[in-house]
């Protein structure tokens, strides 16, 4: 018995949907893989930024302590570091109590 045009049309549309679904699944996998690579790269770059910021801070402090450069900047940096140390000591004392 020959297929009716409606059945043939539905089969074609279902086939097209299945093909689109496979294509979209592959695109999703590719996009997910690319996203993971970007996240890894981003994490690495964020780590590099943190290391470089620490290095800049150390160099600024070193320059300030050596007397070359802006003494106000060095004093402000030392004062900020002292406040951070004081906060850490206060937290340690609070945890012991």
PDB file of N, CA and C in Angstrom:
ATOM      1  N   UNK A   1       0.845  -1.171   0.000  1.00  0.00           N
ATOM      2  CA  UNK A   1       0.000   0.000   0.000  1.00  0.00           C
ATOM      3  C   UNK A   1       0.894   1.239   0.000  1.00  0.00           C
ATOM      4  N   UNK A   2       0.724   2.127  -0.918  1.00  0.00           N
ATOM      5  CA  UNK A   2       1.561   3.321  -1.015  1.00  0.00           C
ATOM      6  C   UNK A   2       1.283   4.293   0.133  1.00  0.00           C
ATOM      7  N   UNK A   3       2.348   5.028   0.527  1.00  0.00           N
ATOM      8  CA  UNK A   3       2.202   6.008   1.614  1.00  0.00           C
ATOM      9  C   UNK A   3       1.456   7.233   1.117  1.00  0.00           C
ATOM     10  N   UNK A   4       0.677   7.767   2.005  1.00  0.00           N
ATOM     11  CA  UNK A   4      -0.047   8.991   1.642  1.00  0.00           C
ATOM     12  C   UNK A   4       0.921  10.178   1.716  1.00  0.00           C
ATOM     13  N   UNK A   5       0.600  11.222   1.025  1.00  0.00           N
ATOM     14  CA  UNK A   5       1.473  12.410   1.057  1.00  0.00           C
ATOM     15  C   UNK A   5       1.637  12.993   2.462  1.00  0.00           C
ATOM     16  N   UNK A   6       0.631  12.864   3.284  1.00  0.00           N
ATOM     17  CA  UNK A   6       0.699  13.386   4.651  1.00  0.00           C
ATOM     18  C   UNK A   6       1.725  12.600   5.445  1.00  0.00           C
ATOM     19  N   UNK A   7       1.704  11.254   5.339  1.00  0.00           N
ATOM     20  CA  UNK A   7       2.643  10.404   6.066  1.00  0.00           C
ATOM     21  C   UNK A   7       4.061  10.681   5.584  1.00  0.00           C
ATOM     22  N   UNK A   8       4.229  10.802   4.266  1.00  0.00           N
ATOM     23  CA  UNK A   8       5.543  11.085   3.699  1.00  0.00           C
ATOM     24  C   UNK A   8       6.063  12.435   4.207  1.00  0.00           C
ATOM     25  N   UNK A   9       5.190  13.416   4.267  1.00  0.00           N
ATOM     26  CA  UNK A   9       5.569  14.751   4.749  1.00  0.00           C
ATOM     27  C   UNK A   9       5.975  14.705   6.222  1.00  0.00           C
ATOM     28  N   UNK A  10       5.221  13.947   7.021  1.00  0.00           N
ATOM     29  CA  UNK A  10       5.529  13.830   8.447  1.00  0.00           C
ATOM     30  C   UNK A  10       6.869  13.128   8.628  1.00  0.00           C
ATOM     31  N   UNK A  11       7.119  12.066   7.845  1.00  0.00           N
ATOM     32  CA  UNK A  11       8.388  11.354   7.934  1.00  0.00           C
ATOM     33  C   UNK A  11       9.563  12.278   7.573  1.00  0.00           C
ATOM     34  N   UNK A  12       9.373  13.073   6.556  1.00  0.00           N
ATOM     35  CA  UNK A  12      10.431  14.005   6.151  1.00  0.00           C
ATOM     36  C   UNK A  12      10.701  15.037   7.242  1.00  0.00           C
ATOM     37  N   UNK A  13       9.628  15.549   7.829  1.00  0.00           N
ATOM     38  CA  UNK A  13       9.782  16.545   8.892  1.00  0.00           C
ATOM     39  C   UNK A  13      10.434  15.943  10.127  1.00  0.00           C
ATOM     40  N   UNK A  14      10.062  14.717  10.483  1.00  0.00           N
ATOM     41  CA  UNK A  14      10.667  14.034  11.629  1.00  0.00           C
ATOM     42  C   UNK A  14      12.148  13.776  11.347  1.00  0.00           C
ATOM     43  N   UNK A  15      12.453  13.358  10.142  1.00  0.00           N
ATOM     44  CA  UNK A  15      13.849  13.146   9.762  1.00  0.00           C
ATOM     45  C   UNK A  15      14.661  14.435   9.858  1.00  0.00           C
ATOM     46  N   UNK A  16      14.065  15.528   9.403  1.00  0.00           N
ATOM     47  CA  UNK A  16      14.742  16.820   9.489  1.00  0.00           C
ATOM     48  C   UNK A  16      14.948  17.232  10.942  1.00  0.00           C
ATOM     49  N   UNK A  17      13.947  16.988  11.783  1.00  0.00           N
ATOM     50  CA  UNK A  17      14.061  17.304  13.204  1.00  0.00           C
ATOM     51  C   UNK A  17      15.175  16.483  13.863  1.00  0.00           C
ATOM     52  N   UNK A  18      15.245  15.211  13.520  1.00  0.00           N
ATOM     53  CA  UNK A  18      16.290  14.346  14.079  1.00  0.00           C
ATOM     54  C   UNK A  18      17.673  14.840  13.642  1.00  0.00           C
ATOM     55  N   UNK A  19      17.796  15.204  12.374  1.00  0.00           N
ATOM     56  CA  UNK A  19      19.074  15.725  11.884  1.00  0.00           C
ATOM     57  C   UNK A  19      19.440  17.030  12.586  1.00  0.00           C
ATOM     58  N   UNK A  20      18.465  17.915  12.746  1.00  0.00           N
ATOM     59  CA  UNK A  20      18.709  19.174  13.457  1.00  0.00           C
ATOM     60  C   UNK A  20      19.109  18.917  14.907  1.00  0.00           C
ATOM     61  N   UNK A  21      18.436  17.947  15.523  1.00  0.00           N
ATOM     62  CA  UNK A  21      18.746  17.606  16.906  1.00  0.00           C
ATOM     63  C   UNK A  21      20.188  17.126  17.027  1.00  0.00           C
ATOM     64  N   UNK A  22      20.621  16.262  16.134  1.00  0.00           N
ATOM     65  CA  UNK A  22      22.003  15.761  16.168  1.00  0.00           C
ATOM     66  C   UNK A  22      22.992  16.908  15.975  1.00  0.00           C
ATOM     67  N   UNK A  23      22.681  17.798  15.030  1.00  0.00           N
ATOM     68  CA  UNK A  23      23.553  18.940  14.760  1.00  0.00           C
ATOM     69  C   UNK A  23      23.655  19.843  15.989  1.00  0.00           C
ATOM     70  N   UNK A  24      22.525  20.106  16.618  1.00  0.00           N
ATOM     71  CA  UNK A  24      22.513  20.966  17.796  1.00  0.00           C
ATOM     72  C   UNK A  24      23.226  20.321  18.975  1.00  0.00           C
ATOM     73  N   UNK A  25      23.088  19.021  19.124  1.00  0.00           N
ATOM     74  CA  UNK A  25      23.810  18.326  20.197  1.00  0.00           C
ATOM     75  C   UNK A  25      25.319  18.443  19.995  1.00  0.00           C
ATOM     76  N   UNK A  26      25.765  18.304  18.764  1.00  0.00           N
ATOM     77  CA  UNK A  26      27.192  18.424  18.473  1.00  0.00           C
ATOM     78  C   UNK A  26      27.669  19.846  18.731  1.00  0.00           C
ATOM     79  N   UNK A  27      26.861  20.830  18.322  1.00  0.00           N
ATOM     80  CA  UNK A  27      27.202  22.223  18.585  1.00  0.00           C
ATOM     81  C   UNK A  27      27.291  22.481  20.080  1.00  0.00           C
ATOM     82  N   UNK A  28      26.373  21.886  20.836  1.00  0.00           N
ATOM     83  CA  UNK A  28      26.394  22.034  22.293  1.00  0.00           C
ATOM     84  C   UNK A  28      27.672  21.444  22.866  1.00  0.00           C
ATOM     85  N   UNK A  29      28.048  20.257  22.408  1.00  0.00           N
ATOM     86  CA  UNK A  29      29.294  19.638  22.883  1.00  0.00           C
ATOM     87  C   UNK A  29      30.496  20.510  22.538  1.00  0.00           C
ATOM     88  N   UNK A  30      30.539  21.024  21.322  1.00  0.00           N
ATOM     89  CA  UNK A  30      31.645  21.882  20.906  1.00  0.00           C
ATOM     90  C   UNK A  30      31.700  23.153  21.746  1.00  0.00           C
ATOM     91  N   UNK A  31      30.541  23.746  21.965  1.00  0.00           N
ATOM     92  CA  UNK A  31      30.476  24.981  22.748  1.00  0.00           C
ATOM     93  C   UNK A  31      30.876  24.727  24.199  1.00  0.00           C
ATOM     94  N   UNK A  32      30.434  23.613  24.753  1.00  0.00           N
ATOM     95  CA  UNK A  32      30.792  23.264  26.129  1.00  0.00           C
ATOM     96  C   UNK A  32      32.296  23.053  26.242  1.00  0.00           C
ATOM     97  N   UNK A  33      32.874  22.374  25.282  1.00  0.00           N
ATOM     98  CA  UNK A  33      34.325  22.150  25.279  1.00  0.00           C
ATOM     99  C   UNK A  33      35.074  23.479  25.184  1.00  0.00           C
ATOM    100  N   UNK A  34      34.609  24.349  24.314  1.00  0.00           N
ATOM    101  CA  UNK A  34      35.236  25.659  24.161  1.00  0.00           C
ATOM    102  C   UNK A  34      35.106  26.467  25.450  1.00  0.00           C
ATOM    103  N   UNK A  35      33.952  26.389  26.097  1.00  0.00           N
ATOM    104  CA  UNK A  35      33.737  27.101  27.344  1.00  0.00           C
ATOM    105  C   UNK A  35      34.701  26.607  28.418  1.00  0.00           C
ATOM    106  N   UNK A  36      34.899  25.305  28.512  1.00  0.00           N
ATOM    107  CA  UNK A  36      35.826  24.743  29.498  1.00  0.00           C
ATOM    108  C   UNK A  36      37.254  25.216  29.235  1.00  0.00           C
ATOM    109  N   UNK A  37      37.650  25.260  27.963  1.00  0.00           N
ATOM    110  CA  UNK A  37      38.981  25.752  27.620  1.00  0.00           C
ATOM    111  C   UNK A  37      39.127  27.216  28.028  1.00  0.00           C
ATOM    112  N   UNK A  38      38.083  28.008  27.775  1.00  0.00           N
ATOM    113  CA  UNK A  38      38.121  29.416  28.136  1.00  0.00           C
ATOM    114  C   UNK A  38      38.165  29.606  29.653  1.00  0.00           C
ATOM    115  N   UNK A  39      37.425  28.770  30.380  1.00  0.00           N
ATOM    116  CA  UNK A  39      37.457  28.847  31.844  1.00  0.00           C
ATOM    117  C   UNK A  39      38.854  28.528  32.364  1.00  0.00           C
ATOM    118  N   UNK A  40      39.484  27.498  31.794  1.00  0.00           N
ATOM    119  CA  UNK A  40      40.833  27.135  32.200  1.00  0.00           C
ATOM    120  C   UNK A  40      41.804  28.273  31.901  1.00  0.00           C
ATOM    121  N   UNK A  41      41.693  28.823  30.705  1.00  0.00           N
ATOM    122  CA  UNK A  41      42.548  29.947  30.336  1.00  0.00           C
ATOM    123  C   UNK A  41      42.313  31.151  31.230  1.00  0.00           C
ATOM    124  N   UNK A  42      41.053  31.411  31.548  1.00  0.00           N
ATOM    125  CA  UNK A  42      40.701  32.529  32.417  1.00  0.00           C
ATOM    126  C   UNK A  42      41.291  32.328  33.810  1.00  0.00           C
ATOM    127  N   UNK A  43      41.200  31.115  34.336  1.00  0.00           N
ATOM    128  CA  UNK A  43      41.757  30.826  35.655  1.00  0.00           C
ATOM    129  C   UNK A  43      43.266  31.068  35.663  1.00  0.00           C
ATOM    130  N   UNK A  44      43.918  30.621  34.604  1.00  0.00           N
ATOM    131  CA  UNK A  44      45.364  30.818  34.504  1.00  0.00           C
ATOM    132  C   UNK A  44      45.699  32.305  34.464  1.00  0.00           C
ATOM    133  N   UNK A  45      44.958  33.056  33.672  1.00  0.00           N
ATOM    134  CA  UNK A  45      45.208  34.493  33.568  1.00  0.00           C
ATOM    135  C   UNK A  45      44.924  35.209  34.895  1.00  0.00           C
ATOM    136  N   UNK A  46      43.888  34.796  35.594  1.00  0.00           N
ATOM    137  CA  UNK A  46      43.590  35.403  36.890  1.00  0.00           C
ATOM    138  C   UNK A  46      44.721  35.119  37.883  1.00  0.00           C
ATOM    139  N   UNK A  47      45.262  33.908  37.839  1.00  0.00           N
ATOM    140  CA  UNK A  47      46.404  33.580  38.691  1.00  0.00           C
ATOM    141  C   UNK A  47      47.615  34.428  38.330  1.00  0.00           C
ATOM    142  N   UNK A  48      47.839  34.609  37.031  1.00  0.00           N
ATOM    143  CA  UNK A  48      48.952  35.454  36.583  1.00  0.00           C
ATOM    144  C   UNK A  48      48.764  36.887  37.077  1.00  0.00           C
ATOM    145  N   UNK A  49      47.553  37.388  36.983  1.00  0.00           N
ATOM    146  CA  UNK A  49      47.266  38.752  37.448  1.00  0.00           C
ATOM    147  C   UNK A  49      47.554  38.875  38.937  1.00  0.00           C
ATOM    148  N   UNK A  50      47.104  37.901  39.725  1.00  0.00           N
ATOM    149  CA  UNK A  50      47.326  37.945  41.174  1.00  0.00           C
ATOM    150  C   UNK A  50      48.829  37.938  41.486  1.00  0.00           C
ATOM    151  N   UNK A  51      49.574  37.066  40.795  1.00  0.00           N
ATOM    152  CA  UNK A  51      51.031  37.009  41.026  1.00  0.00           C
ATOM    153  C   UNK A  51      51.695  38.328  40.645  1.00  0.00           C
ATOM    154  N   UNK A  52      51.278  38.902  39.525  1.00  0.00           N
ATOM    155  CA  UNK A  52      51.880  40.156  39.081  1.00  0.00           C
ATOM    156  C   UNK A  52      51.517  41.317  40.013  1.00  0.00           C
ATOM    157  N   UNK A  53      50.293  41.322  40.521  1.00  0.00           N
ATOM    158  CA  UNK A  53      49.911  42.372  41.470  1.00  0.00           C
ATOM    159  C   UNK A  53      50.746  42.272  42.741  1.00  0.00           C
ATOM    160  N   UNK A  54      50.977  41.041  43.210  1.00  0.00           N
ATOM    161  CA  UNK A  54      51.835  40.867  44.392  1.00  0.00           C
ATOM    162  C   UNK A  54      53.252  41.333  44.102  1.00  0.00           C
ATOM    163  N   UNK A  55      53.728  41.017  42.918  1.00  0.00           N
ATOM    164  CA  UNK A  55      55.084  41.420  42.542  1.00  0.00           C
ATOM    165  C   UNK A  55      55.181  42.948  42.469  1.00  0.00           C
ATOM    166  N   UNK A  56      54.173  43.587  41.906  1.00  0.00           N
ATOM    167  CA  UNK A  56      54.149  45.047  41.841  1.00  0.00           C
ATOM    168  C   UNK A  56      54.170  45.630  43.251  1.00  0.00           C
ATOM    169  N   UNK A  57      53.365  45.056  44.131  1.00  0.00           N
ATOM    170  CA  UNK A  57      53.317  45.560  45.502  1.00  0.00           C
ATOM    171  C   UNK A  57      54.680  45.430  46.177  1.00  0.00           C
ATOM    172  N   UNK A  58      55.333  44.301  45.979  1.00  0.00           N
ATOM    173  CA  UNK A  58      56.651  44.091  46.578  1.00  0.00           C
ATOM    174  C   UNK A  58      57.661  45.076  45.999  1.00  0.00           C
ATOM    175  N   UNK A  59      57.611  45.267  44.695  1.00  0.00           N
ATOM    176  CA  UNK A  59      58.540  46.213  44.064  1.00  0.00           C
ATOM    177  C   UNK A  59      58.291  47.642  44.532  1.00  0.00           C
ATOM    178  N   UNK A  60      57.034  48.013  44.681  1.00  0.00           N
ATOM    179  CA  UNK A  60      56.721  49.355  45.182  1.00  0.00           C
ATOM    180  C   UNK A  60      57.238  49.523  46.597  1.00  0.00           C
ATOM    181  N   UNK A  61      57.051  48.503  47.422  1.00  0.00           N
ATOM    182  CA  UNK A  61      57.525  48.553  48.797  1.00  0.00           C
ATOM    183  C   UNK A  61      59.047  48.615  48.823  1.00  0.00           C
ATOM    184  N   UNK A  62      59.668  47.830  47.982  1.00  0.00           N
ATOM    185  CA  UNK A  62      61.132  47.811  47.909  1.00  0.00           C
ATOM    186  C   UNK A  62      61.663  49.177  47.499  1.00  0.00           C
ATOM    187  N   UNK A  63      61.066  49.778  46.492  1.00  0.00           N
ATOM    188  CA  UNK A  63      61.486  51.102  46.044  1.00  0.00           C
ATOM    189  C   UNK A  63      61.287  52.134  47.151  1.00  0.00           C
ATOM    190  N   UNK A  64      60.191  52.034  47.840  1.00  0.00           N
ATOM    191  CA  UNK A  64      59.905  52.972  48.923  1.00  0.00           C
ATOM    192  C   UNK A  64      60.884  52.834  50.069  1.00  0.00           C
ATOM    193  N   UNK A  65      61.245  51.603  50.400  1.00  0.00           N
ATOM    194  CA  UNK A  65      62.183  51.361  51.492  1.00  0.00           C
ATOM    195  C   UNK A  65      63.600  51.771  51.102  1.00  0.00           C
ATOM    196  N   UNK A  66      63.913  51.686  49.846  1.00  0.00           N
ATOM    197  CA  UNK A  66      65.249  52.037  49.380  1.00  0.00           C
ATOM    198  C   UNK A  66      65.429  53.550  49.325  1.00  0.00           C
ATOM    199  N   UNK A  67      64.361  54.291  49.437  1.00  0.00           N
ATOM    200  CA  UNK A  67      64.452  55.737  49.437  1.00  0.00           C
ATOM    201  C   UNK A  67      64.262  56.353  48.074  1.00  0.00           C
ATOM    202  N   UNK A  68      64.229  55.542  47.052  1.00  0.00           N
ATOM    203  CA  UNK A  68      64.007  56.103  45.730  1.00  0.00           C
ATOM    204  C   UNK A  68      62.519  56.052  45.428  1.00  0.00           C
ATOM    205  N   UNK A  69      62.008  57.115  44.935  1.00  0.00           N
ATOM    206  CA  UNK A  69      60.588  57.135  44.604  1.00  0.00           C
ATOM    207  C   UNK A  69      59.796  57.898  45.638  1.00  0.00           C
ATOM    208  N   UNK A  70      58.529  57.641  45.692  1.00  0.00           N
ATOM    209  CA  UNK A  70      57.599  58.369  46.536  1.00  0.00           C
ATOM    210  C   UNK A  70      57.566  57.759  47.933  1.00  0.00           C
ATOM    211  N   UNK A  71      58.045  58.495  48.940  1.00  0.00           N
ATOM    212  CA  UNK A  71      58.033  57.996  50.313  1.00  0.00           C
ATOM    213  C   UNK A  71      56.619  57.892  50.868  1.00  0.00           C
ATOM    214  N   UNK A  72      55.736  58.772  50.421  1.00  0.00           N
ATOM    215  CA  UNK A  72      54.348  58.717  50.886  1.00  0.00           C
ATOM    216  C   UNK A  72      53.700  57.400  50.463  1.00  0.00           C
ATOM    217  N   UNK A  73      54.001  56.981  49.244  1.00  0.00           N
ATOM    218  CA  UNK A  73      53.450  55.725  48.740  1.00  0.00           C
ATOM    219  C   UNK A  73      53.952  54.548  49.568  1.00  0.00           C
ATOM    220  N   UNK A  74      55.236  54.557  49.885  1.00  0.00           N
ATOM    221  CA  UNK A  74      55.806  53.474  50.686  1.00  0.00           C
ATOM    222  C   UNK A  74      55.210  53.453  52.083  1.00  0.00           C
ATOM    223  N   UNK A  75      55.070  54.624  52.680  1.00  0.00           N
ATOM    224  CA  UNK A  75      54.488  54.687  54.030  1.00  0.00           C
ATOM    225  C   UNK A  75      53.041  54.199  54.015  1.00  0.00           C
ATOM    226  N   UNK A  76      52.295  54.607  53.010  1.00  0.00           N
ATOM    227  CA  UNK A  76      50.899  54.173  52.913  1.00  0.00           C
ATOM    228  C   UNK A  76      50.831  52.654  52.755  1.00  0.00           C
ATOM    229  N   UNK A  77      51.718  52.123  51.958  1.00  0.00           N
ATOM    230  CA  UNK A  77      51.756  50.659  51.745  1.00  0.00           C
ATOM    231  C   UNK A  77      52.093  49.936  53.043  1.00  0.00           C
ATOM    232  N   UNK A  78      53.104  50.420  53.761  1.00  0.00           N
ATOM    233  CA  UNK A  78      53.490  49.799  55.028  1.00  0.00           C
ATOM    234  C   UNK A  78      52.344  49.899  56.025  1.00  0.00           C
ATOM    235  N   UNK A  79      51.699  51.059  56.079  1.00  0.00           N
ATOM    236  CA  UNK A  79      50.560  51.219  57.001  1.00  0.00           C
ATOM    237  C   UNK A  79      49.434  50.256  56.663  1.00  0.00           C
ATOM    238  N   UNK A  80      49.172  50.083  55.370  1.00  0.00           N
ATOM    239  CA  UNK A  80      48.121  49.147  54.972  1.00  0.00           C
ATOM    240  C   UNK A  80      48.488  47.721  55.365  1.00  0.00           C
ATOM    241  N   UNK A  81      49.741  47.361  55.151  1.00  0.00           N
ATOM    242  CA  UNK A  81      50.183  46.021  55.533  1.00  0.00           C
ATOM    243  C   UNK A  81      50.096  45.821  57.041  1.00  0.00           C
ATOM    244  N   UNK A  82      50.431  46.849  57.811  1.00  0.00           N
ATOM    245  CA  UNK A  82      50.341  46.752  59.272  1.00  0.00           C
ATOM    246  C   UNK A  82      48.885  46.565  59.717  1.00  0.00           C
ATOM    247  N   UNK A  83      47.973  47.279  59.067  1.00  0.00           N
ATOM    248  CA  UNK A  83      46.550  47.102  59.401  1.00  0.00           C
ATOM    249  C   UNK A  83      46.085  45.679  59.093  1.00  0.00           C
ATOM    250  N   UNK A  84      46.551  45.147  57.955  1.00  0.00           N
ATOM    251  CA  UNK A  84      46.196  43.761  57.610  1.00  0.00           C
ATOM    252  C   UNK A  84      46.733  42.785  58.648  1.00  0.00           C
ATOM    253  N   UNK A  85      47.968  43.001  59.106  1.00  0.00           N
ATOM    254  CA  UNK A  85      48.555  42.131  60.133  1.00  0.00           C
ATOM    255  C   UNK A  85      47.765  42.253  61.428  1.00  0.00           C
ATOM    256  N   UNK A  86      47.402  43.463  61.789  1.00  0.00           N
ATOM    257  CA  UNK A  86      46.607  43.663  63.004  1.00  0.00           C
ATOM    258  C   UNK A  86      45.262  42.950  62.912  1.00  0.00           C
ATOM    259  N   UNK A  87      44.624  43.012  61.745  1.00  0.00           N
ATOM    260  CA  UNK A  87      43.345  42.307  61.557  1.00  0.00           C
ATOM    261  C   UNK A  87      43.526  40.805  61.708  1.00  0.00           C
ATOM    262  N   UNK A  88      44.602  40.284  61.140  1.00  0.00           N
ATOM    263  CA  UNK A  88      44.867  38.841  61.247  1.00  0.00           C
ATOM    264  C   UNK A  88      45.080  38.428  62.694  1.00  0.00           C
ATOM    265  N   UNK A  89      45.841  39.232  63.430  1.00  0.00           N
ATOM    266  CA  UNK A  89      46.078  38.937  64.847  1.00  0.00           C
ATOM    267  C   UNK A  89      44.772  38.983  65.619  1.00  0.00           C
ATOM    268  N   UNK A  90      43.936  39.978  65.326  1.00  0.00           N
ATOM    269  CA  UNK A  90      42.640  40.080  66.004  1.00  0.00           C
ATOM    270  C   UNK A  90      41.771  38.864  65.704  1.00  0.00           C
ATOM    271  N   UNK A  91      41.780  38.394  64.459  1.00  0.00           N
ATOM    272  CA  UNK A  91      41.000  37.203  64.106  1.00  0.00           C
ATOM    273  C   UNK A  91      41.525  35.972  64.825  1.00  0.00           C
ATOM    274  N   UNK A  92      42.841  35.841  64.916  1.00  0.00           N
ATOM    275  CA  UNK A  92      43.426  34.702  65.629  1.00  0.00           C
ATOM    276  C   UNK A  92      43.047  34.733  67.095  1.00  0.00           C
ATOM    277  N   UNK A  93      43.101  35.912  67.709  1.00  0.00           N
ATOM    278  CA  UNK A  93      42.734  36.049  69.122  1.00  0.00           C
ATOM    279  C   UNK A  93      41.270  35.750  69.340  1.00  0.00           C
ATOM    280  N   UNK A  94      40.423  36.175  68.399  1.00  0.00           N
ATOM    281  CA  UNK A  94      38.987  35.918  68.508  1.00  0.00           C
ATOM    282  C   UNK A  94      38.693  34.423  68.426  1.00  0.00           C
ATOM    283  N   UNK A  95      39.397  33.718  67.537  1.00  0.00           N
ATOM    284  CA  UNK A  95      39.182  32.280  67.373  1.00  0.00           C
ATOM    285  C   UNK A  95      39.641  31.502  68.601  1.00  0.00           C
ATOM    286  N   UNK A  96      40.650  31.998  69.285  1.00  0.00           N
ATOM    287  CA  UNK A  96      41.149  31.316  70.488  1.00  0.00           C
ATOM    288  C   UNK A  96      40.217  31.493  71.668  1.00  0.00           C
ATOM    289  N   UNK A  97      39.479  32.592  71.671  1.00  0.00           N
ATOM    290  CA  UNK A  97      38.607  32.898  72.823  1.00  0.00           C
ATOM    291  C   UNK A  97      37.373  32.044  72.827  1.00  0.00           C
TER     292      UNK A  97
END
